[in-house]
Amino acid sequence: MHPSLHVVCAVIESASGEILLAQRLPHQHLAGLWEFPGGKLEAGESEFVALARELDEELGICLSAAEHWMDIRHHYADATLGREVVLHVWRVTAWDGEPVGRLGQPLQWVNKSGLHALAVPEANRAIVNALLLPERCLISGDADSAADHFMRLERALAAGLRLVILRGEMALGLVDESAARVHAVGGRVLLNTTPEHFQAVGAAADGLHLNRHALMAQATRPAGMRWLSASCHDADELAQAERLGLDFVVLSPVLPTQSHPGAPTLGWARFAELARDHALPVYALGGVGDGDVATARAHGAQGVAAIRAWW
């Protein structure tokens, strides 16, 4: 078995919010695909030193500041590479110079909303999703009436929530109006239901969210879903989410919750272990809220998901 190939890559964002991508050259593995700039981590190099060297060699820029963002493990089974690649992803926050393709590779600055239209290596897909997803994810809870449901939803939207998972019989009966309100502020709506039920009620929604049982029952990714996510609680469920090519997951319970007092929890250390081993954005769920975003991100999360904190 070949040892893992360790690669540093840079997410470079312009002042106007565009992301720099480079196209792989014809002689390279995965030729023609667009990727985040970077390259192989050499023996004895720190990630920051390797990143600075690669950005100088590839783009002609001098790295001033960057912060580690995530690690992604992806196994390429094809004959050309045939081994695991570990991407050490860094956000570049300051640099000197104007990026140019010093190796002859085409470059382009891409608006975040256009990232999904580009063909990227599979190992880069999690980075694209993470760039498009916010730090907070609202999961709807109980409501006394339709009016109460919309009051709670509007309050969350006013607080800046832009990713909403609708769950429960009442919420799934109010999809069209809920989606319209979320879309009006530039947000996304997913429905916590089965693929079959989604086909009946989900025309206005942006995607599907699977519970753990529906997740494990799928043999392949349900067709026609722009966004597909799931609830996970252990390594087996995370592995299934990764096999199906899900766009993100929520992993719980991280901390004790009022709804399940005394129930076992993952804790931040175990959460970090699970999140680190799977190449997809992971939200921390269970006993968390606004005050836990920084802690969650420090432990490898995309951010936090919650019901009680915002509903």
Foldseek 3Di string as FASTA:
>chain_A
DDDEWEKEFEFEADPVGWTKWWAADPVDVVHGAIDGFTGTDDPPDDSVRRRQVRCCQFWVKGQDDKAWFAWFWDADCDPVPGGIYIYGYIYGDDIDDGGDGNVPIDMDTGHLVCPVVGGHPPLCLQVSLLSVDAQEEEEADDAPDPVRSVVLLVQLVVVPHAHYEYDDDVSLVCPQVSLVVSVVSPHFYEYADAPVVCVVRVPSHQFYEYEQVNLVPDPEADPPHNAYEYEDEDLVSLVSCQVRPHAEYEYDDADAAPVDPPDDTCHLVNVLVSLNHHSHAYAHEHPDDDVCQVVNSVSNHSHHYYHVRRD
